[in-house]
Amino acid sequence: VCYNKVDVARAVGHELGPVDETGQPIEEGLHWPDWLPTNWRISFTRQAAASDSDQVTKVRPCYIGPDGQSFWSKEEVTDALEAHIQASEDAPLPVSRSIEKAAPMPEEMQS
C-alpha cells in the first residue's frame, strides 16, 4: 500500500512527474508560471500537428481555475482574474448578522 508520492515512486521504480491524458511523460517547460495563482491547476494535452505539416506533436497547457473552468492561454487567465477582481470590488460588503448590544455604562462611571 502506498500512502504518498514518495511511496509510489519507490514502488514503480522511478520518479513521478507530469503526464498527458494518455499517460505519456511531459518534459517540456515544466515550471509554475509566476502569473498563475497557486490555487489553480495546470493540465497538459498533446496537440497533433496538421497532416500536411512537418511539425511534430506539441504539448499544450490548459489552466484550470478553482471553479473548474478551463483556459488555454495566459491572456484568458488574466482576463478571468481581472473579471473576478472587478466583481469582488463591485460586490456589497457583508452585513454582520450578530450585532451585539453594548452593555450600559455603570452609573458611577457616567459624569
N, C-alpha and C. Protein backbone atom coordinates (compact mmCIF):
# COMPACT_ATOMS: atom_id res chain seq x y z
N VAL A 1 0.85 -1.18 0.00
CA VAL A 1 0.00 0.00 0.00
C VAL A 1 0.89 1.24 0.00
N CYS A 2 0.56 2.20 -0.86
CA CYS A 2 1.32 3.45 -0.93
C CYS A 2 0.48 4.57 -0.34
N TYR A 3 1.11 5.39 0.49
CA TYR A 3 0.40 6.46 1.16
C TYR A 3 0.73 7.85 0.64
N ASN A 4 1.77 7.96 -0.18
CA ASN A 4 2.15 9.27 -0.71
C ASN A 4 2.97 9.11 -1.98
N LYS A 5 3.32 10.23 -2.60
CA LYS A 5 4.04 10.22 -3.87
C LYS A 5 5.38 9.51 -3.77
N VAL A 6 6.09 9.71 -2.68
CA VAL A 6 7.40 9.07 -2.50
C VAL A 6 7.24 7.55 -2.48
N ASP A 7 6.22 7.05 -1.78
CA ASP A 7 5.98 5.61 -1.73
C ASP A 7 5.66 5.06 -3.12
N VAL A 8 4.85 5.79 -3.90
CA VAL A 8 4.50 5.34 -5.25
C VAL A 8 5.74 5.31 -6.13
N ALA A 9 6.56 6.36 -6.07
CA ALA A 9 7.79 6.41 -6.87
C ALA A 9 8.70 5.24 -6.52
N ARG A 10 8.81 4.94 -5.25
CA ARG A 10 9.63 3.82 -4.82
C ARG A 10 9.05 2.50 -5.35
N ALA A 11 7.73 2.36 -5.32
CA ALA A 11 7.08 1.12 -5.77
C ALA A 11 7.23 0.91 -7.28
N VAL A 12 7.12 1.98 -8.07
CA VAL A 12 7.23 1.83 -9.52
C VAL A 12 8.67 1.90 -10.01
N GLY A 13 9.59 2.33 -9.16
CA GLY A 13 11.00 2.32 -9.51
C GLY A 13 11.50 3.53 -10.27
N HIS A 14 10.75 4.61 -10.30
CA HIS A 14 11.24 5.83 -10.94
C HIS A 14 10.50 7.05 -10.39
N GLU A 15 11.10 8.22 -10.63
CA GLU A 15 10.49 9.49 -10.20
C GLU A 15 9.16 9.70 -10.90
N LEU A 16 8.22 10.30 -10.22
CA LEU A 16 6.94 10.62 -10.83
C LEU A 16 6.96 12.06 -11.33
N GLY A 17 6.28 12.30 -12.42
CA GLY A 17 6.22 13.64 -12.99
C GLY A 17 4.92 13.81 -13.75
N PRO A 18 4.75 14.97 -14.35
CA PRO A 18 3.51 15.22 -15.08
C PRO A 18 3.40 14.35 -16.34
N VAL A 19 2.16 13.96 -16.63
CA VAL A 19 1.88 13.17 -17.83
C VAL A 19 0.68 13.78 -18.55
N ASP A 20 0.57 13.46 -19.84
CA ASP A 20 -0.60 13.93 -20.59
C ASP A 20 -1.77 12.96 -20.38
N GLU A 21 -2.86 13.19 -21.12
CA GLU A 21 -4.06 12.38 -20.92
C GLU A 21 -3.88 10.91 -21.29
N THR A 22 -2.83 10.57 -22.03
CA THR A 22 -2.56 9.17 -22.38
C THR A 22 -1.54 8.53 -21.45
N GLY A 23 -1.02 9.30 -20.50
CA GLY A 23 -0.04 8.78 -19.56
C GLY A 23 1.39 8.93 -20.00
N GLN A 24 1.63 9.63 -21.12
CA GLN A 24 2.99 9.85 -21.61
C GLN A 24 3.65 10.99 -20.82
N PRO A 25 4.89 10.82 -20.43
CA PRO A 25 5.58 11.88 -19.66
C PRO A 25 5.69 13.17 -20.46
N ILE A 26 5.58 14.26 -19.76
CA ILE A 26 5.74 15.59 -20.36
C ILE A 26 6.98 16.21 -19.73
N GLU A 27 7.92 16.58 -20.55
CA GLU A 27 9.17 17.14 -20.05
C GLU A 27 9.32 18.61 -20.39
N GLU A 28 8.56 19.11 -21.35
CA GLU A 28 8.76 20.45 -21.89
C GLU A 28 8.32 21.55 -20.92
N GLY A 29 9.18 22.50 -20.66
CA GLY A 29 8.84 23.72 -19.94
C GLY A 29 8.12 23.53 -18.62
N LEU A 30 8.63 22.69 -17.76
CA LEU A 30 7.94 22.43 -16.51
C LEU A 30 8.36 23.43 -15.43
N HIS A 31 7.57 24.45 -15.26
CA HIS A 31 7.76 25.40 -14.18
C HIS A 31 6.42 26.07 -13.93
N TRP A 32 6.22 26.54 -12.73
CA TRP A 32 4.96 27.20 -12.38
C TRP A 32 5.04 28.65 -12.83
N PRO A 33 4.10 29.10 -13.69
CA PRO A 33 4.14 30.49 -14.15
C PRO A 33 3.94 31.45 -12.99
N ASP A 34 4.72 32.53 -12.94
CA ASP A 34 4.62 33.49 -11.85
C ASP A 34 3.30 34.27 -11.89
N TRP A 35 2.59 34.27 -13.00
CA TRP A 35 1.33 34.99 -13.14
C TRP A 35 0.12 34.12 -12.77
N LEU A 36 0.33 32.83 -12.52
CA LEU A 36 -0.78 31.91 -12.22
C LEU A 36 -0.90 31.69 -10.72
N PRO A 37 -2.08 31.96 -10.14
CA PRO A 37 -2.25 31.72 -8.70
C PRO A 37 -2.00 30.25 -8.35
N THR A 38 -1.54 30.02 -7.14
CA THR A 38 -1.19 28.65 -6.74
C THR A 38 -2.40 27.77 -6.46
N ASN A 39 -3.61 28.35 -6.37
CA ASN A 39 -4.78 27.51 -6.16
C ASN A 39 -5.40 27.06 -7.49
N TRP A 40 -4.73 27.34 -8.60
CA TRP A 40 -5.14 26.86 -9.92
C TRP A 40 -4.39 25.56 -10.21
N ARG A 41 -4.80 24.86 -11.28
CA ARG A 41 -4.10 23.65 -11.72
C ARG A 41 -3.68 23.82 -13.17
N ILE A 42 -2.71 23.03 -13.58
CA ILE A 42 -2.29 23.01 -14.97
C ILE A 42 -2.41 21.58 -15.46
N SER A 43 -3.10 21.41 -16.58
CA SER A 43 -3.21 20.12 -17.23
C SER A 43 -2.52 20.25 -18.59
N PHE A 44 -1.95 19.17 -19.09
CA PHE A 44 -1.26 19.22 -20.37
C PHE A 44 -1.94 18.27 -21.35
N THR A 45 -2.08 18.71 -22.59
CA THR A 45 -2.59 17.85 -23.66
C THR A 45 -1.61 17.92 -24.82
N ARG A 46 -1.55 16.85 -25.57
CA ARG A 46 -0.71 16.83 -26.77
C ARG A 46 -1.56 17.29 -27.94
N GLN A 47 -1.07 18.25 -28.67
CA GLN A 47 -1.78 18.80 -29.82
C GLN A 47 -1.13 18.24 -31.08
N ALA A 48 -1.91 17.47 -31.85
CA ALA A 48 -1.37 16.86 -33.07
C ALA A 48 -1.18 17.93 -34.13
N ALA A 49 -0.12 17.81 -34.87
CA ALA A 49 0.15 18.73 -35.98
C ALA A 49 -0.74 18.36 -37.16
N ALA A 50 -0.98 19.32 -38.03
CA ALA A 50 -1.78 19.06 -39.23
C ALA A 50 -1.09 17.99 -40.08
N SER A 51 -1.87 17.18 -40.76
CA SER A 51 -1.31 16.07 -41.54
C SER A 51 -0.40 16.55 -42.68
N ASP A 52 -0.66 17.77 -43.19
CA ASP A 52 0.18 18.29 -44.28
C ASP A 52 1.37 19.09 -43.77
N SER A 53 1.58 19.05 -42.47
CA SER A 53 2.66 19.83 -41.86
C SER A 53 3.81 18.91 -41.48
N ASP A 54 5.01 19.49 -41.43
CA ASP A 54 6.15 18.70 -40.98
C ASP A 54 6.43 18.93 -39.49
N GLN A 55 5.48 19.57 -38.80
CA GLN A 55 5.65 19.83 -37.37
C GLN A 55 5.35 18.56 -36.58
N VAL A 56 5.99 18.46 -35.44
CA VAL A 56 5.73 17.34 -34.55
C VAL A 56 4.60 17.72 -33.59
N THR A 57 4.08 16.74 -32.92
CA THR A 57 3.04 16.99 -31.92
C THR A 57 3.63 17.85 -30.82
N LYS A 58 2.86 18.85 -30.35
CA LYS A 58 3.36 19.68 -29.26
C LYS A 58 2.45 19.57 -28.04
N VAL A 59 3.01 19.86 -26.90
CA VAL A 59 2.28 19.81 -25.65
C VAL A 59 1.68 21.18 -25.40
N ARG A 60 0.41 21.21 -25.04
CA ARG A 60 -0.28 22.48 -24.81
C ARG A 60 -0.85 22.50 -23.39
N PRO A 61 -0.53 23.54 -22.61
CA PRO A 61 -1.07 23.61 -21.24
C PRO A 61 -2.52 24.10 -21.24
N CYS A 62 -3.25 23.61 -20.28
CA CYS A 62 -4.62 24.08 -20.03
C CYS A 62 -4.65 24.50 -18.57
N TYR A 63 -5.05 25.74 -18.31
CA TYR A 63 -5.07 26.28 -16.96
C TYR A 63 -6.48 26.13 -16.40
N ILE A 64 -6.59 25.52 -15.23
CA ILE A 64 -7.89 25.21 -14.64
C ILE A 64 -8.05 25.99 -13.35
N GLY A 65 -9.08 26.84 -13.32
CA GLY A 65 -9.35 27.68 -12.15
C GLY A 65 -9.93 26.88 -11.00
N PRO A 66 -10.04 27.50 -9.82
CA PRO A 66 -10.57 26.81 -8.65
C PRO A 66 -12.00 26.32 -8.85
N ASP A 67 -12.75 26.99 -9.75
CA ASP A 67 -14.13 26.58 -10.01
C ASP A 67 -14.24 25.52 -11.10
N GLY A 68 -13.09 25.07 -11.65
CA GLY A 68 -13.08 24.03 -12.67
C GLY A 68 -13.12 24.54 -14.10
N GLN A 69 -13.22 25.84 -14.29
CA GLN A 69 -13.26 26.40 -15.63
C GLN A 69 -11.88 26.34 -16.27
N SER A 70 -11.84 25.98 -17.56
CA SER A 70 -10.57 25.82 -18.28
C SER A 70 -10.24 27.03 -19.14
N PHE A 71 -8.94 27.33 -19.22
CA PHE A 71 -8.43 28.42 -20.05
C PHE A 71 -7.21 27.92 -20.79
N TRP A 72 -7.04 28.36 -22.05
CA TRP A 72 -5.97 27.84 -22.89
C TRP A 72 -4.81 28.80 -23.08
N SER A 73 -4.89 30.01 -22.51
CA SER A 73 -3.79 30.95 -22.69
C SER A 73 -3.64 31.84 -21.46
N LYS A 74 -2.48 32.49 -21.37
CA LYS A 74 -2.24 33.44 -20.29
C LYS A 74 -3.24 34.58 -20.37
N GLU A 75 -3.55 35.03 -21.59
CA GLU A 75 -4.49 36.14 -21.77
C GLU A 75 -5.88 35.79 -21.23
N GLU A 76 -6.35 34.55 -21.49
CA GLU A 76 -7.65 34.12 -20.98
C GLU A 76 -7.65 34.09 -19.45
N VAL A 77 -6.57 33.59 -18.88
CA VAL A 77 -6.47 33.53 -17.41
C VAL A 77 -6.46 34.94 -16.83
N THR A 78 -5.66 35.82 -17.42
CA THR A 78 -5.56 37.20 -16.95
C THR A 78 -6.93 37.90 -17.02
N ASP A 79 -7.64 37.71 -18.13
CA ASP A 79 -8.98 38.31 -18.26
C ASP A 79 -9.93 37.78 -17.18
N ALA A 80 -9.87 36.48 -16.92
CA ALA A 80 -10.74 35.87 -15.90
C ALA A 80 -10.40 36.39 -14.51
N LEU A 81 -9.10 36.52 -14.21
CA LEU A 81 -8.69 37.04 -12.90
C LEU A 81 -9.11 38.49 -12.72
N GLU A 82 -8.95 39.31 -13.77
CA GLU A 82 -9.37 40.71 -13.69
C GLU A 82 -10.88 40.82 -13.51
N ALA A 83 -11.65 39.98 -14.20
CA ALA A 83 -13.11 39.99 -14.06
C ALA A 83 -13.50 39.59 -12.64
N HIS A 84 -12.80 38.62 -12.07
CA HIS A 84 -13.08 38.17 -10.70
C HIS A 84 -12.78 39.29 -9.70
N ILE A 85 -11.64 39.97 -9.90
CA ILE A 85 -11.28 41.07 -9.00
C ILE A 85 -12.30 42.19 -9.10
N GLN A 86 -12.72 42.53 -10.32
CA GLN A 86 -13.70 43.59 -10.52
C GLN A 86 -15.03 43.22 -9.87
N ALA A 87 -15.46 41.97 -10.02
CA ALA A 87 -16.71 41.52 -9.41
C ALA A 87 -16.63 41.59 -7.89
N SER A 88 -15.46 41.26 -7.35
CA SER A 88 -15.27 41.33 -5.89
C SER A 88 -15.34 42.76 -5.39
N GLU A 89 -14.77 43.69 -6.16
CA GLU A 89 -14.79 45.10 -5.76
C GLU A 89 -16.18 45.70 -5.86
N ASP A 90 -16.98 45.22 -6.82
CA ASP A 90 -18.33 45.75 -7.02
C ASP A 90 -19.34 45.15 -6.05
N ALA A 91 -19.01 44.04 -5.42
CA ALA A 91 -19.94 43.37 -4.52
C ALA A 91 -20.12 44.20 -3.24
N PRO A 92 -21.34 44.24 -2.72
CA PRO A 92 -21.55 44.98 -1.47
C PRO A 92 -20.86 44.28 -0.30
N LEU A 93 -20.46 45.05 0.67
CA LEU A 93 -19.82 44.49 1.85
C LEU A 93 -20.85 43.70 2.65
N PRO A 94 -20.47 42.56 3.22
CA PRO A 94 -21.42 41.78 4.00
C PRO A 94 -21.78 42.51 5.30
N VAL A 95 -23.03 42.37 5.69
CA VAL A 95 -23.52 42.98 6.93
C VAL A 95 -23.53 41.91 8.00
N SER A 96 -22.97 42.24 9.15
CA SER A 96 -22.93 41.27 10.24
C SER A 96 -24.33 41.02 10.75
N ARG A 97 -24.66 39.75 10.93
CA ARG A 97 -25.99 39.37 11.43
C ARG A 97 -25.99 39.26 12.95
N SER A 98 -24.81 39.28 13.55
CA SER A 98 -24.75 39.11 15.00
C SER A 98 -24.20 40.38 15.64
N ILE A 99 -24.99 41.42 15.63
CA ILE A 99 -24.58 42.67 16.26
C ILE A 99 -24.94 42.56 17.74
N GLU A 100 -23.90 42.64 18.55
CA GLU A 100 -24.12 42.52 19.99
C GLU A 100 -24.49 43.88 20.57
N LYS A 101 -25.40 43.86 21.52
CA LYS A 101 -25.79 45.09 22.21
C LYS A 101 -24.73 45.41 23.25
N ALA A 102 -24.31 46.65 23.26
CA ALA A 102 -23.33 47.07 24.25
C ALA A 102 -24.00 47.14 25.62
N ALA A 103 -23.27 46.72 26.63
CA ALA A 103 -23.80 46.80 27.99
C ALA A 103 -23.87 48.26 28.41
N PRO A 104 -24.90 48.65 29.15
CA PRO A 104 -25.00 50.06 29.59
C PRO A 104 -23.84 50.40 30.54
N MET A 105 -23.40 51.64 30.47
CA MET A 105 -22.31 52.12 31.30
C MET A 105 -22.81 52.22 32.75
N PRO A 106 -22.04 51.72 33.71
CA PRO A 106 -22.46 51.83 35.13
C PRO A 106 -22.60 53.30 35.51
N GLU A 107 -23.55 53.59 36.41
CA GLU A 107 -23.88 54.97 36.81
C GLU A 107 -22.68 55.70 37.40
N GLU A 108 -21.85 54.99 38.14
CA GLU A 108 -20.71 55.66 38.77
C GLU A 108 -19.68 56.11 37.73
N MET A 109 -19.71 55.56 36.54
CA MET A 109 -18.79 55.98 35.51
C MET A 109 -19.36 57.12 34.67
N GLN A 110 -20.64 57.34 34.76
CA GLN A 110 -21.25 58.41 33.98
C GLN A 110 -21.01 59.75 34.71
N SER A 111 -20.70 60.78 33.99
CA SER A 111 -20.50 62.08 34.65
C SER A 111 -21.18 63.17 33.89
